[in-house]
Protein backbone atom coordinates (compact mmCIF):
# COMPACT_ATOMS: atom_id res chain seq x y z
CA MET A 1 -52.90 -61.11 -102.94
CA PRO A 2 -50.20 -61.09 -100.05
CA SER A 3 -51.32 -59.86 -97.35
CA ALA A 4 -50.44 -55.81 -96.36
CA TYR A 5 -48.72 -57.57 -93.07
CA ALA A 6 -45.96 -59.05 -92.80
CA TYR A 7 -45.26 -61.39 -89.33
CA ILE A 8 -42.13 -60.92 -87.19
CA LEU A 9 -40.23 -63.51 -85.78
CA HIS A 10 -38.97 -62.75 -81.92
CA GLY A 11 -36.14 -64.74 -81.43
CA ALA A 12 -37.51 -67.11 -78.84
CA VAL A 13 -40.11 -68.09 -81.49
CA MET A 14 -37.16 -68.39 -83.87
CA GLU A 15 -35.58 -70.84 -81.73
CA VAL A 16 -38.12 -73.28 -81.58
CA ILE A 17 -39.30 -73.16 -85.01
CA ILE A 18 -36.02 -74.42 -86.64
CA HIS A 19 -35.58 -77.63 -85.01
CA LEU A 20 -39.25 -78.40 -86.26
CA PRO A 21 -39.31 -80.80 -88.67
CA LEU A 22 -40.05 -79.21 -92.71
CA ARG A 23 -43.92 -80.11 -92.22
CA GLN A 24 -44.08 -77.73 -88.68
CA ARG A 25 -42.63 -75.25 -90.24
CA GLU A 26 -44.65 -74.89 -93.49
CA GLN A 27 -48.00 -75.71 -91.17
CA LEU A 28 -46.45 -72.85 -89.00
CA ASP A 29 -45.40 -70.73 -91.87
CA ALA A 30 -49.42 -70.73 -93.26
CA ILE A 31 -50.39 -70.05 -89.71
CA PHE A 32 -48.63 -67.03 -89.67
CA ARG A 33 -49.66 -65.75 -92.62
CA ALA A 34 -53.20 -65.58 -92.11
CA LEU A 35 -52.56 -64.00 -88.62
CA ALA A 36 -50.98 -61.42 -90.83
CA ALA A 37 -53.46 -61.62 -93.25
CA ASP A 38 -56.37 -60.23 -90.36
CA PRO A 39 -54.27 -58.16 -87.94
CA TYR A 40 -57.64 -56.97 -86.71
CA GLN A 41 -58.47 -60.03 -85.37
CA MET A 42 -59.87 -61.03 -82.14
CA THR A 43 -59.05 -63.96 -80.54
CA GLY A 44 -61.00 -63.72 -77.40
CA SER A 45 -57.78 -65.21 -75.04
CA PHE A 46 -55.10 -62.16 -74.26
CA PHE A 47 -52.56 -60.47 -71.82
CA TYR A 48 -50.59 -57.71 -70.52
CA GLU A 49 -46.91 -56.98 -70.83
CA PRO A 50 -45.57 -54.93 -68.37
CA SER A 51 -45.33 -52.41 -70.74
CA GLY A 52 -49.32 -51.96 -71.10
CA ARG A 53 -49.22 -53.94 -74.41
CA LYS A 54 -51.89 -56.02 -75.18
CA VAL A 55 -51.03 -59.41 -76.65
CA GLN A 56 -53.18 -62.08 -77.75
CA VAL A 57 -53.26 -66.25 -78.28
CA LYS A 58 -54.29 -68.08 -80.14
CA PHE A 59 -54.62 -71.81 -79.82
CA LEU A 60 -54.81 -73.63 -83.66
CA HIS A 61 -53.74 -77.39 -82.65
CA PRO A 62 -50.84 -78.11 -80.86
CA TRP A 63 -49.74 -74.79 -80.43
CA MET A 64 -49.83 -71.73 -78.31
CA ILE A 65 -49.49 -68.97 -80.18
CA SER A 66 -49.09 -65.28 -78.28
CA PHE A 67 -48.63 -61.97 -80.45
CA TRP A 68 -49.29 -58.24 -81.44
CA ALA A 69 -49.80 -56.48 -84.47
CA ASP A 70 -47.75 -53.25 -84.84
CA HIS A 71 -50.32 -51.17 -87.12
CA ALA A 72 -48.22 -47.93 -87.84
CA VAL A 73 -44.98 -50.95 -89.25
CA LYS A 74 -47.94 -52.64 -91.04
CA GLU A 75 -46.64 -55.90 -88.43
CA VAL A 76 -47.81 -58.70 -86.91
CA ARG A 77 -45.25 -59.76 -84.46
CA ILE A 78 -45.38 -63.12 -83.19
CA VAL A 79 -43.84 -62.80 -79.64
CA GLY A 80 -45.03 -66.66 -78.47
CA LEU A 81 -45.20 -70.18 -79.80
CA LYS A 82 -45.33 -73.18 -77.55
CA LYS A 83 -46.45 -76.35 -78.34
CA ARG A 84 -49.50 -77.67 -75.90
CA PRO A 85 -49.51 -82.19 -74.39
CA SER A 86 -51.86 -84.32 -76.29
CA ASN A 87 -53.78 -85.48 -74.11
C-alpha cells in the first residue's frame, strides 16, 4: 500500500545521491519511503532552522538524514544527507 505522503528531495540531497552506486541509492529510497510512511515519527535528534521549523535528524549507519514533514501537503522533505565516516 503506498504511503499517503510523498518524499521530496532538496537539491543538495539529490547532488549527493546522483553520485552514489545503485545499491546505495536503492537503500536510501527504502529509508525515504519509510520516513514517508510514518511522517509523525520523532527521532530524538533535531534542530531548528532560522525560520523556526523543527528538522528531525535520523541516524542510520552510515547516514545522517535531516527531514521535516509538511503535513499540509502530505510531503516529507528530505533536506540533508551526510555519510558518516566509519570508525
